Amino acid sequence: MDWIHTVGLAAGLAWASGIRLYAVLFLAGALARLGYLELPPTLEVLGHPYVLAASGIMAVGEFFADKVPAFDSLWDAAHTFVRIPAGAFLAAAALGQADPVWVAVAAIAGGAIASGAHLTKAGSRALINTSPEPFTNWAASVSEDLIVPAGFLASVAFPLAFLILLAVFLLGAAWLVPRLWHALRGLFARLRSAVS
């Protein structure tokens, strides 16, 4: 695997883990197990039947949890402490037995990428949950169900194109996340004043 494919895999795993961690673990493991994806030795464990079973069960659980308005935001809040470290770990592990300096750089960058993806997802979904109808929530959830495998597959098949799109996404996230949190703070302030 050349360096652009390695960087694409690392970035794709980190980005996807910030949105749908268990789905990308299952997808990467299944593709490796079927011989469609060559993972570095440090990630080959993803193709083990027990790991596939565990990630598959969790992916199904997350699929349904993410369709329930309000519960999806609780799920996202709890997974802040899972998705971001997992993104850092997966990005580092994607480098295999590389120089420890580059592995550390990958872990830092992977954590940042996973953070950007997770905060964008969690913030936008929390704002969507303020709508009384469930359809926008379901539409957002289904779009995430589709974009994560598509993005991950692009990171493997077309790593340079994926990295360019990822840079655009991260710039958009850097612009959007502060606005999402400002809107949510305003919403909570209005709710507090309405209750008091």
N, C-alpha and C. Protein backbone atom coordinates (compact mmCIF):
# COMPACT_ATOMS: atom_id res chain seq x y z
N MET A 1 0.86 -1.17 0.00
CA MET A 1 0.00 0.00 0.00
C MET A 1 0.91 1.24 0.00
N ASP A 2 0.71 2.15 -0.98
CA ASP A 2 1.53 3.35 -1.01
C ASP A 2 1.02 4.38 -0.02
N TRP A 3 1.76 5.46 0.16
CA TRP A 3 1.46 6.41 1.23
C TRP A 3 0.12 7.09 1.05
N ILE A 4 -0.30 7.39 -0.19
CA ILE A 4 -1.58 8.09 -0.39
C ILE A 4 -2.74 7.18 0.00
N HIS A 5 -2.62 5.88 -0.29
CA HIS A 5 -3.66 4.93 0.11
C HIS A 5 -3.67 4.75 1.63
N THR A 6 -2.50 4.76 2.23
CA THR A 6 -2.41 4.64 3.69
C THR A 6 -3.04 5.85 4.37
N VAL A 7 -2.70 7.05 3.87
CA VAL A 7 -3.28 8.28 4.44
C VAL A 7 -4.78 8.31 4.20
N GLY A 8 -5.22 7.90 3.01
CA GLY A 8 -6.65 7.85 2.71
C GLY A 8 -7.39 6.90 3.63
N LEU A 9 -6.81 5.72 3.87
CA LEU A 9 -7.42 4.75 4.79
C LEU A 9 -7.49 5.32 6.20
N ALA A 10 -6.39 5.91 6.66
CA ALA A 10 -6.36 6.47 8.01
C ALA A 10 -7.40 7.58 8.17
N ALA A 11 -7.45 8.48 7.20
CA ALA A 11 -8.41 9.59 7.27
C ALA A 11 -9.85 9.10 7.12
N GLY A 12 -10.06 8.12 6.25
CA GLY A 12 -11.40 7.57 6.07
C GLY A 12 -11.93 6.88 7.32
N LEU A 13 -11.07 6.11 7.97
CA LEU A 13 -11.47 5.46 9.21
C LEU A 13 -11.77 6.48 10.30
N ALA A 14 -10.93 7.51 10.41
CA ALA A 14 -11.14 8.53 11.44
C ALA A 14 -12.43 9.30 11.20
N TRP A 15 -12.64 9.74 9.96
CA TRP A 15 -13.84 10.51 9.62
C TRP A 15 -15.10 9.68 9.86
N ALA A 16 -15.12 8.47 9.33
CA ALA A 16 -16.31 7.63 9.46
C ALA A 16 -16.58 7.25 10.91
N SER A 17 -15.53 7.06 11.71
CA SER A 17 -15.75 6.71 13.10
C SER A 17 -16.39 7.84 13.88
N GLY A 18 -16.21 9.07 13.44
CA GLY A 18 -16.85 10.21 14.09
C GLY A 18 -18.35 10.25 13.86
N ILE A 19 -18.83 9.50 12.87
CA ILE A 19 -20.26 9.50 12.54
C ILE A 19 -20.90 8.15 12.85
N ARG A 20 -20.33 7.09 12.33
CA ARG A 20 -20.86 5.73 12.51
C ARG A 20 -19.71 4.77 12.78
N LEU A 21 -19.20 4.79 13.99
CA LEU A 21 -18.02 4.00 14.34
C LEU A 21 -18.21 2.52 14.05
N TYR A 22 -19.29 1.95 14.56
CA TYR A 22 -19.46 0.49 14.47
C TYR A 22 -19.68 0.04 13.03
N ALA A 23 -20.35 0.88 12.26
CA ALA A 23 -20.58 0.54 10.85
C ALA A 23 -19.26 0.48 10.09
N VAL A 24 -18.37 1.45 10.33
CA VAL A 24 -17.10 1.45 9.60
C VAL A 24 -16.20 0.32 10.07
N LEU A 25 -16.25 -0.02 11.36
CA LEU A 25 -15.48 -1.17 11.84
C LEU A 25 -15.95 -2.45 11.15
N PHE A 26 -17.26 -2.61 11.06
CA PHE A 26 -17.82 -3.80 10.42
C PHE A 26 -17.49 -3.81 8.93
N LEU A 27 -17.67 -2.66 8.26
CA LEU A 27 -17.42 -2.58 6.82
C LEU A 27 -15.96 -2.88 6.50
N ALA A 28 -15.03 -2.27 7.23
CA ALA A 28 -13.61 -2.51 6.97
C ALA A 28 -13.26 -3.98 7.23
N GLY A 29 -13.77 -4.53 8.32
CA GLY A 29 -13.49 -5.93 8.63
C GLY A 29 -14.08 -6.89 7.60
N ALA A 30 -15.32 -6.61 7.19
CA ALA A 30 -15.96 -7.49 6.20
C ALA A 30 -15.25 -7.42 4.86
N LEU A 31 -14.88 -6.22 4.43
CA LEU A 31 -14.17 -6.09 3.15
C LEU A 31 -12.81 -6.80 3.20
N ALA A 32 -12.13 -6.69 4.34
CA ALA A 32 -10.85 -7.37 4.49
C ALA A 32 -11.04 -8.89 4.50
N ARG A 33 -12.05 -9.34 5.21
CA ARG A 33 -12.31 -10.78 5.31
C ARG A 33 -12.64 -11.37 3.94
N LEU A 34 -13.37 -10.60 3.12
CA LEU A 34 -13.75 -11.07 1.79
C LEU A 34 -12.64 -10.88 0.75
N GLY A 35 -11.55 -10.25 1.15
CA GLY A 35 -10.42 -10.07 0.24
C GLY A 35 -10.50 -8.83 -0.64
N TYR A 36 -11.41 -7.92 -0.36
CA TYR A 36 -11.55 -6.70 -1.16
C TYR A 36 -10.72 -5.54 -0.62
N LEU A 37 -10.22 -5.65 0.59
CA LEU A 37 -9.47 -4.57 1.20
C LEU A 37 -8.28 -5.16 1.94
N GLU A 38 -7.11 -4.62 1.64
CA GLU A 38 -5.91 -5.06 2.35
C GLU A 38 -5.67 -4.10 3.51
N LEU A 39 -5.83 -4.61 4.71
CA LEU A 39 -5.59 -3.81 5.90
C LEU A 39 -4.16 -4.04 6.38
N PRO A 40 -3.56 -3.04 7.01
CA PRO A 40 -2.24 -3.27 7.60
C PRO A 40 -2.36 -4.30 8.72
N PRO A 41 -1.29 -4.98 9.07
CA PRO A 41 -1.35 -6.01 10.11
C PRO A 41 -1.97 -5.51 11.42
N THR A 42 -1.78 -4.24 11.73
CA THR A 42 -2.32 -3.69 12.97
C THR A 42 -3.84 -3.58 12.97
N LEU A 43 -4.47 -3.69 11.81
CA LEU A 43 -5.93 -3.62 11.72
C LEU A 43 -6.57 -4.92 11.22
N GLU A 44 -5.76 -5.93 10.96
CA GLU A 44 -6.31 -7.19 10.45
C GLU A 44 -7.32 -7.82 11.40
N VAL A 45 -7.22 -7.50 12.68
CA VAL A 45 -8.14 -8.05 13.68
C VAL A 45 -9.59 -7.66 13.37
N LEU A 46 -9.80 -6.60 12.63
CA LEU A 46 -11.17 -6.19 12.29
C LEU A 46 -11.90 -7.26 11.48
N GLY A 47 -11.16 -8.11 10.79
CA GLY A 47 -11.76 -9.18 10.00
C GLY A 47 -12.00 -10.46 10.77
N HIS A 48 -11.62 -10.52 12.03
CA HIS A 48 -11.84 -11.72 12.84
C HIS A 48 -13.35 -11.91 13.05
N PRO A 49 -13.84 -13.16 12.98
CA PRO A 49 -15.29 -13.38 13.11
C PRO A 49 -15.90 -12.81 14.40
N TYR A 50 -15.18 -12.88 15.52
CA TYR A 50 -15.74 -12.34 16.77
C TYR A 50 -15.83 -10.81 16.71
N VAL A 51 -14.80 -10.19 16.13
CA VAL A 51 -14.82 -8.73 16.01
C VAL A 51 -15.92 -8.31 15.03
N LEU A 52 -16.06 -9.06 13.94
CA LEU A 52 -17.15 -8.77 12.99
C LEU A 52 -18.51 -8.91 13.66
N ALA A 53 -18.67 -9.95 14.46
CA ALA A 53 -19.95 -10.14 15.16
C ALA A 53 -20.22 -8.99 16.12
N ALA A 54 -19.21 -8.61 16.90
CA ALA A 54 -19.40 -7.52 17.87
C ALA A 54 -19.68 -6.20 17.17
N SER A 55 -18.89 -5.87 16.14
CA SER A 55 -19.12 -4.60 15.45
C SER A 55 -20.43 -4.62 14.68
N GLY A 56 -20.81 -5.78 14.15
CA GLY A 56 -22.09 -5.89 13.44
C GLY A 56 -23.28 -5.70 14.36
N ILE A 57 -23.23 -6.31 15.54
CA ILE A 57 -24.32 -6.14 16.52
C ILE A 57 -24.42 -4.68 16.95
N MET A 58 -23.28 -4.06 17.23
CA MET A 58 -23.29 -2.66 17.64
C MET A 58 -23.75 -1.74 16.50
N ALA A 59 -23.38 -2.08 15.26
CA ALA A 59 -23.83 -1.28 14.11
C ALA A 59 -25.35 -1.33 13.96
N VAL A 60 -25.92 -2.51 14.16
CA VAL A 60 -27.39 -2.64 14.10
C VAL A 60 -28.03 -1.86 15.24
N GLY A 61 -27.46 -1.97 16.44
CA GLY A 61 -27.98 -1.20 17.58
C GLY A 61 -27.92 0.29 17.32
N GLU A 62 -26.80 0.76 16.78
CA GLU A 62 -26.66 2.19 16.50
C GLU A 62 -27.62 2.62 15.39
N PHE A 63 -27.83 1.75 14.41
CA PHE A 63 -28.75 2.06 13.33
C PHE A 63 -30.13 2.40 13.89
N PHE A 64 -30.63 1.57 14.81
CA PHE A 64 -31.95 1.80 15.39
C PHE A 64 -31.94 2.93 16.41
N ALA A 65 -30.90 3.02 17.22
CA ALA A 65 -30.82 4.09 18.22
C ALA A 65 -30.83 5.46 17.55
N ASP A 66 -30.22 5.53 16.39
CA ASP A 66 -30.09 6.80 15.69
C ASP A 66 -31.40 7.26 15.04
N LYS A 67 -32.39 6.39 14.99
CA LYS A 67 -33.67 6.75 14.37
C LYS A 67 -34.68 7.29 15.38
N VAL A 68 -34.35 7.27 16.66
CA VAL A 68 -35.28 7.71 17.71
C VAL A 68 -34.92 9.13 18.12
N PRO A 69 -35.78 10.11 17.77
CA PRO A 69 -35.47 11.49 18.13
C PRO A 69 -35.26 11.64 19.63
N ALA A 70 -34.33 12.47 20.00
CA ALA A 70 -33.90 12.75 21.37
C ALA A 70 -32.98 11.64 21.88
N PHE A 71 -33.35 10.36 21.73
CA PHE A 71 -32.45 9.29 22.17
C PHE A 71 -31.16 9.33 21.36
N ASP A 72 -31.28 9.70 20.07
CA ASP A 72 -30.07 9.78 19.24
C ASP A 72 -29.08 10.80 19.79
N SER A 73 -29.58 11.89 20.36
CA SER A 73 -28.68 12.89 20.94
C SER A 73 -28.02 12.37 22.22
N LEU A 74 -28.77 11.58 23.01
CA LEU A 74 -28.15 10.95 24.18
C LEU A 74 -27.07 9.96 23.75
N TRP A 75 -27.36 9.20 22.71
CA TRP A 75 -26.40 8.24 22.16
C TRP A 75 -25.15 8.97 21.69
N ASP A 76 -25.36 10.09 20.96
CA ASP A 76 -24.22 10.88 20.49
C ASP A 76 -23.40 11.43 21.65
N ALA A 77 -24.08 11.92 22.68
CA ALA A 77 -23.37 12.48 23.84
C ALA A 77 -22.50 11.42 24.49
N ALA A 78 -23.04 10.24 24.69
CA ALA A 78 -22.27 9.15 25.30
C ALA A 78 -21.12 8.73 24.39
N HIS A 79 -21.35 8.74 23.09
CA HIS A 79 -20.33 8.28 22.16
C HIS A 79 -19.26 9.32 21.85
N THR A 80 -19.40 10.51 22.41
CA THR A 80 -18.31 11.49 22.31
C THR A 80 -17.04 10.88 22.88
N PHE A 81 -17.19 10.08 23.94
CA PHE A 81 -16.05 9.49 24.63
C PHE A 81 -15.61 8.17 23.99
N VAL A 82 -16.28 7.77 22.91
CA VAL A 82 -15.92 6.54 22.22
C VAL A 82 -15.43 6.84 20.80
N ARG A 83 -16.19 7.63 20.06
CA ARG A 83 -15.87 7.86 18.65
C ARG A 83 -14.56 8.60 18.44
N ILE A 84 -14.31 9.63 19.23
CA ILE A 84 -13.10 10.44 19.02
C ILE A 84 -11.83 9.65 19.34
N PRO A 85 -11.75 8.98 20.51
CA PRO A 85 -10.54 8.16 20.74
C PRO A 85 -10.42 7.02 19.73
N ALA A 86 -11.55 6.45 19.31
CA ALA A 86 -11.49 5.37 18.32
C ALA A 86 -10.96 5.90 16.99
N GLY A 87 -11.37 7.10 16.60
CA GLY A 87 -10.85 7.71 15.37
C GLY A 87 -9.35 7.92 15.44
N ALA A 88 -8.87 8.36 16.59
CA ALA A 88 -7.43 8.55 16.78
C ALA A 88 -6.70 7.21 16.70
N PHE A 89 -7.24 6.21 17.38
CA PHE A 89 -6.62 4.88 17.38
C PHE A 89 -6.59 4.27 15.98
N LEU A 90 -7.73 4.33 15.28
CA LEU A 90 -7.80 3.72 13.95
C LEU A 90 -6.86 4.40 12.96
N ALA A 91 -6.77 5.74 13.03
CA ALA A 91 -5.86 6.45 12.13
C ALA A 91 -4.42 6.05 12.41
N ALA A 92 -4.07 5.93 13.69
CA ALA A 92 -2.70 5.51 14.04
C ALA A 92 -2.45 4.08 13.59
N ALA A 93 -3.40 3.20 13.83
CA ALA A 93 -3.23 1.79 13.47
C ALA A 93 -3.17 1.59 11.96
N ALA A 94 -3.79 2.49 11.20
CA ALA A 94 -3.77 2.36 9.74
C ALA A 94 -2.36 2.54 9.18
N LEU A 95 -1.48 3.17 9.94
CA LEU A 95 -0.10 3.36 9.49
C LEU A 95 0.75 2.11 9.70
N GLY A 96 0.20 1.13 10.39
CA GLY A 96 0.92 -0.13 10.59
C GLY A 96 2.17 0.07 11.42
N GLN A 97 3.27 -0.43 10.93
CA GLN A 97 4.54 -0.38 11.67
C GLN A 97 5.40 0.81 11.24
N ALA A 98 4.79 1.93 10.96
CA ALA A 98 5.52 3.12 10.52
C ALA A 98 6.33 3.71 11.67
N ASP A 99 7.13 4.70 11.33
CA ASP A 99 7.91 5.45 12.32
C ASP A 99 6.96 5.96 13.41
N PRO A 100 7.30 5.76 14.69
CA PRO A 100 6.41 6.19 15.78
C PRO A 100 6.02 7.67 15.71
N VAL A 101 6.87 8.50 15.15
CA VAL A 101 6.53 9.92 15.02
C VAL A 101 5.31 10.07 14.11
N TRP A 102 5.31 9.35 12.98
CA TRP A 102 4.19 9.45 12.04
C TRP A 102 2.93 8.80 12.61
N VAL A 103 3.10 7.76 13.39
CA VAL A 103 1.95 7.13 14.05
C VAL A 103 1.31 8.12 15.03
N ALA A 104 2.15 8.85 15.78
CA ALA A 104 1.62 9.86 16.70
C ALA A 104 0.93 10.99 15.95
N VAL A 105 1.52 11.42 14.84
CA VAL A 105 0.89 12.46 14.02
C VAL A 105 -0.46 11.97 13.51
N ALA A 106 -0.51 10.71 13.06
CA ALA A 106 -1.77 10.14 12.57
C ALA A 106 -2.81 10.08 13.68
N ALA A 107 -2.40 9.74 14.88
CA ALA A 107 -3.34 9.68 16.01
C ALA A 107 -3.91 11.06 16.31
N ILE A 108 -3.05 12.07 16.31
CA ILE A 108 -3.51 13.44 16.58
C ILE A 108 -4.46 13.91 15.49
N ALA A 109 -4.05 13.71 14.23
CA ALA A 109 -4.90 14.12 13.11
C ALA A 109 -6.20 13.32 13.09
N GLY A 110 -6.10 12.02 13.36
CA GLY A 110 -7.30 11.18 13.38
C GLY A 110 -8.29 11.61 14.44
N GLY A 111 -7.78 11.97 15.62
CA GLY A 111 -8.65 12.48 16.68
C GLY A 111 -9.32 13.78 16.27
N ALA A 112 -8.57 14.64 15.60
CA ALA A 112 -9.14 15.92 15.14
C ALA A 112 -10.20 15.70 14.07
N ILE A 113 -9.93 14.80 13.15
CA ILE A 113 -10.91 14.50 12.09
C ILE A 113 -12.17 13.89 12.69
N ALA A 114 -11.99 12.91 13.58
CA ALA A 114 -13.15 12.29 14.22
C ALA A 114 -13.93 13.30 15.04
N SER A 115 -13.22 14.22 15.71
CA SER A 115 -13.90 15.28 16.49
C SER A 115 -14.75 16.15 15.59
N GLY A 116 -14.17 16.58 14.47
CA GLY A 116 -14.92 17.43 13.55
C GLY A 116 -16.16 16.74 13.02
N ALA A 117 -16.02 15.48 12.64
CA ALA A 117 -17.17 14.73 12.13
C ALA A 117 -18.21 14.52 13.21
N HIS A 118 -17.75 14.13 14.40
CA HIS A 118 -18.69 13.85 15.49
C HIS A 118 -19.42 15.11 15.95
N LEU A 119 -18.70 16.21 16.14
CA LEU A 119 -19.34 17.43 16.62
C LEU A 119 -20.31 18.00 15.59
N THR A 120 -19.98 17.88 14.31
CA THR A 120 -20.91 18.32 13.27
C THR A 120 -22.17 17.48 13.29
N LYS A 121 -22.00 16.16 13.38
CA LYS A 121 -23.15 15.25 13.43
C LYS A 121 -23.98 15.50 14.68
N ALA A 122 -23.35 15.49 15.84
CA ALA A 122 -24.08 15.61 17.10
C ALA A 122 -24.77 16.96 17.21
N GLY A 123 -24.09 18.03 16.82
CA GLY A 123 -24.69 19.36 16.91
C GLY A 123 -25.86 19.54 15.97
N SER A 124 -25.71 19.09 14.74
CA SER A 124 -26.81 19.23 13.78
C SER A 124 -27.99 18.36 14.16
N ARG A 125 -27.72 17.16 14.66
CA ARG A 125 -28.82 16.28 15.06
C ARG A 125 -29.54 16.83 16.29
N ALA A 126 -28.82 17.42 17.23
CA ALA A 126 -29.47 18.01 18.41
C ALA A 126 -30.38 19.16 17.98
N LEU A 127 -29.94 19.94 17.01
CA LEU A 127 -30.77 21.04 16.51
C LEU A 127 -31.98 20.50 15.75
N ILE A 128 -31.78 19.46 14.96
CA ILE A 128 -32.89 18.85 14.22
C ILE A 128 -33.93 18.30 15.20
N ASN A 129 -33.48 17.79 16.33
CA ASN A 129 -34.40 17.21 17.31
C ASN A 129 -35.34 18.24 17.93
N THR A 130 -35.08 19.52 17.74
CA THR A 130 -35.99 20.54 18.27
C THR A 130 -37.26 20.63 17.44
N SER A 131 -37.24 20.05 16.26
CA SER A 131 -38.43 20.03 15.40
C SER A 131 -39.38 18.95 15.93
N PRO A 132 -40.69 19.25 16.01
CA PRO A 132 -41.62 18.27 16.58
C PRO A 132 -41.88 17.05 15.70
N GLU A 133 -41.61 17.17 14.41
CA GLU A 133 -41.87 16.01 13.54
C GLU A 133 -40.62 15.16 13.42
N PRO A 134 -40.78 13.85 13.22
CA PRO A 134 -39.61 12.96 13.21
C PRO A 134 -38.95 12.81 11.83
N PHE A 135 -39.56 13.36 10.79
CA PHE A 135 -39.10 13.05 9.43
C PHE A 135 -37.72 13.63 9.12
N THR A 136 -37.43 14.85 9.61
CA THR A 136 -36.11 15.42 9.36
C THR A 136 -35.04 14.61 10.08
N ASN A 137 -35.37 14.11 11.26
CA ASN A 137 -34.43 13.28 12.01
C ASN A 137 -34.14 12.00 11.24
N TRP A 138 -35.18 11.37 10.75
CA TRP A 138 -35.00 10.12 10.00
C TRP A 138 -34.22 10.38 8.70
N ALA A 139 -34.52 11.48 8.02
CA ALA A 139 -33.81 11.80 6.79
C ALA A 139 -32.32 12.01 7.07
N ALA A 140 -32.02 12.73 8.15
CA ALA A 140 -30.61 12.95 8.52
C ALA A 140 -29.94 11.62 8.86
N SER A 141 -30.62 10.77 9.60
CA SER A 141 -30.06 9.48 9.99
C SER A 141 -29.79 8.59 8.78
N VAL A 142 -30.76 8.51 7.88
CA VAL A 142 -30.58 7.67 6.69
C VAL A 142 -29.46 8.22 5.81
N SER A 143 -29.37 9.55 5.70
CA SER A 143 -28.28 10.11 4.89
C SER A 143 -26.92 9.76 5.51
N GLU A 144 -26.83 9.75 6.84
CA GLU A 144 -25.58 9.34 7.49
C GLU A 144 -25.31 7.86 7.24
N ASP A 145 -26.38 7.03 7.26
CA ASP A 145 -26.22 5.60 6.98
C ASP A 145 -25.64 5.37 5.59
N LEU A 146 -25.96 6.25 4.65
CA LEU A 146 -25.50 6.10 3.27
C LEU A 146 -24.14 6.75 3.05
N ILE A 147 -23.92 7.93 3.64
CA ILE A 147 -22.69 8.67 3.37
C ILE A 147 -21.46 8.03 4.00
N VAL A 148 -21.63 7.37 5.14
CA VAL A 148 -20.45 6.76 5.79
C VAL A 148 -19.86 5.64 4.94
N PRO A 149 -20.64 4.65 4.49
CA PRO A 149 -20.01 3.63 3.64
C PRO A 149 -19.48 4.22 2.32
N ALA A 150 -20.22 5.17 1.74
CA ALA A 150 -19.76 5.77 0.49
C ALA A 150 -18.45 6.52 0.71
N GLY A 151 -18.36 7.29 1.79
CA GLY A 151 -17.14 8.02 2.08
C GLY A 151 -15.98 7.11 2.38
N PHE A 152 -16.23 6.06 3.17
CA PHE A 152 -15.16 5.14 3.49
C PHE A 152 -14.66 4.42 2.24
N LEU A 153 -15.58 3.95 1.40
CA LEU A 153 -15.18 3.28 0.16
C LEU A 153 -14.41 4.23 -0.75
N ALA A 154 -14.81 5.50 -0.78
CA ALA A 154 -14.07 6.49 -1.57
C ALA A 154 -12.67 6.69 -1.01
N SER A 155 -12.54 6.65 0.32
CA SER A 155 -11.21 6.84 0.92
C SER A 155 -10.26 5.71 0.53
N VAL A 156 -10.82 4.55 0.25
CA VAL A 156 -10.01 3.39 -0.12
C VAL A 156 -9.76 3.37 -1.63
N ALA A 157 -10.80 3.63 -2.43
CA ALA A 157 -10.69 3.53 -3.88
C ALA A 157 -10.11 4.79 -4.52
N PHE A 158 -10.46 5.95 -3.98
CA PHE A 158 -10.03 7.23 -4.55
C PHE A 158 -9.50 8.13 -3.43
N PRO A 159 -8.37 7.75 -2.84
CA PRO A 159 -7.92 8.45 -1.64
C PRO A 159 -7.65 9.94 -1.84
N LEU A 160 -7.09 10.33 -2.97
CA LEU A 160 -6.78 11.75 -3.18
C LEU A 160 -8.07 12.57 -3.27
N ALA A 161 -9.04 12.08 -4.02
CA ALA A 161 -10.33 12.77 -4.11
C ALA A 161 -11.00 12.84 -2.75
N PHE A 162 -10.94 11.75 -1.99
CA PHE A 162 -11.53 11.74 -0.66
C PHE A 162 -10.85 12.77 0.24
N LEU A 163 -9.52 12.85 0.20
CA LEU A 163 -8.80 13.79 1.06
C LEU A 163 -9.14 15.24 0.72
N ILE A 164 -9.34 15.53 -0.56
CA ILE A 164 -9.76 16.88 -0.96
C ILE A 164 -11.15 17.17 -0.41
N LEU A 165 -12.08 16.22 -0.58
CA LEU A 165 -13.43 16.41 -0.05
C LEU A 165 -13.42 16.49 1.48
N LEU A 166 -12.56 15.73 2.12
CA LEU A 166 -12.45 15.78 3.57
C LEU A 166 -11.97 17.15 4.03
N ALA A 167 -11.02 17.74 3.31
CA ALA A 167 -10.54 19.08 3.65
C ALA A 167 -11.68 20.09 3.55
N VAL A 168 -12.50 19.97 2.51
CA VAL A 168 -13.67 20.86 2.36
C VAL A 168 -14.65 20.63 3.51
N PHE A 169 -14.90 19.37 3.85
CA PHE A 169 -15.79 19.04 4.97
C PHE A 169 -15.28 19.65 6.27
N LEU A 170 -13.99 19.50 6.55
CA LEU A 170 -13.43 20.01 7.80
C LEU A 170 -13.48 21.54 7.86
N LEU A 171 -13.26 22.20 6.73
CA LEU A 171 -13.41 23.66 6.71
C LEU A 171 -14.86 24.05 6.98
N GLY A 172 -15.78 23.32 6.37
CA GLY A 172 -17.21 23.57 6.63
C GLY A 172 -17.57 23.30 8.08
N ALA A 173 -17.01 22.24 8.64
CA ALA A 173 -17.28 21.91 10.04
C ALA A 173 -16.74 22.99 10.97
N ALA A 174 -15.54 23.50 10.66
CA ALA A 174 -14.95 24.56 11.48
C ALA A 174 -15.82 25.81 11.47
N TRP A 175 -16.49 26.05 10.36
CA TRP A 175 -17.41 27.20 10.26
C TRP A 175 -18.74 26.89 10.95
N LEU A 176 -19.25 25.67 10.78
CA LEU A 176 -20.59 25.31 11.23
C LEU A 176 -20.69 24.99 12.72
N VAL A 177 -19.74 24.27 13.27
CA VAL A 177 -19.85 23.80 14.66
C VAL A 177 -20.06 24.94 15.65
N PRO A 178 -19.29 26.03 15.59
CA PRO A 178 -19.57 27.11 16.55
C PRO A 178 -20.98 27.68 16.42
N ARG A 179 -21.50 27.74 15.21
CA ARG A 179 -22.86 28.25 15.00
C ARG A 179 -23.91 27.29 15.53
N LEU A 180 -23.65 26.00 15.38
CA LEU A 180 -24.58 25.00 15.93
C LEU A 180 -24.65 25.11 17.45
N TRP A 181 -23.49 25.19 18.08
CA TRP A 181 -23.46 25.26 19.54
C TRP A 181 -24.05 26.57 20.05
N HIS A 182 -23.85 27.66 19.30
CA HIS A 182 -24.46 28.94 19.68
C HIS A 182 -25.98 28.84 19.60
N ALA A 183 -26.48 28.22 18.53
CA ALA A 183 -27.93 28.04 18.37
C ALA A 183 -28.50 27.15 19.48
N LEU A 184 -27.77 26.10 19.84
CA LEU A 184 -28.24 25.22 20.90
C LEU A 184 -28.23 25.92 22.25
N ARG A 185 -27.20 26.72 22.52
CA ARG A 185 -27.18 27.48 23.78
C ARG A 185 -28.35 28.45 23.85
N GLY A 186 -28.67 29.10 22.73
CA GLY A 186 -29.82 30.00 22.69
C GLY A 186 -31.12 29.27 22.93
N LEU A 187 -31.23 28.07 22.36
CA LEU A 187 -32.43 27.26 22.56
C LEU A 187 -32.58 26.86 24.02
N PHE A 188 -31.49 26.42 24.64
CA PHE A 188 -31.56 26.03 26.05
C PHE A 188 -31.88 27.22 26.94
N ALA A 189 -31.35 28.41 26.60
CA ALA A 189 -31.66 29.61 27.38
C ALA A 189 -33.15 29.96 27.27
N ARG A 190 -33.71 29.82 26.08
CA ARG A 190 -35.15 30.09 25.90
C ARG A 190 -36.00 29.07 26.66
N LEU A 191 -35.56 27.81 26.66
CA LEU A 191 -36.29 26.79 27.40
C LEU A 191 -36.24 27.06 28.90
N ARG A 192 -35.08 27.47 29.41
CA ARG A 192 -34.95 27.79 30.83
C ARG A 192 -35.85 28.95 31.21
N SER A 193 -35.88 29.99 30.38
CA SER A 193 -36.71 31.16 30.71
C SER A 193 -38.19 30.83 30.59
N ALA A 194 -38.57 29.92 29.70
CA ALA A 194 -39.97 29.52 29.57
C ALA A 194 -40.42 28.69 30.77
N VAL A 195 -39.51 27.90 31.32
CA VAL A 195 -39.84 27.05 32.46
C VAL A 195 -39.91 27.88 33.75
N SER A 196 -39.03 28.93 33.87
CA SER A 196 -39.02 29.70 35.11
C SER A 196 -40.11 30.74 35.19
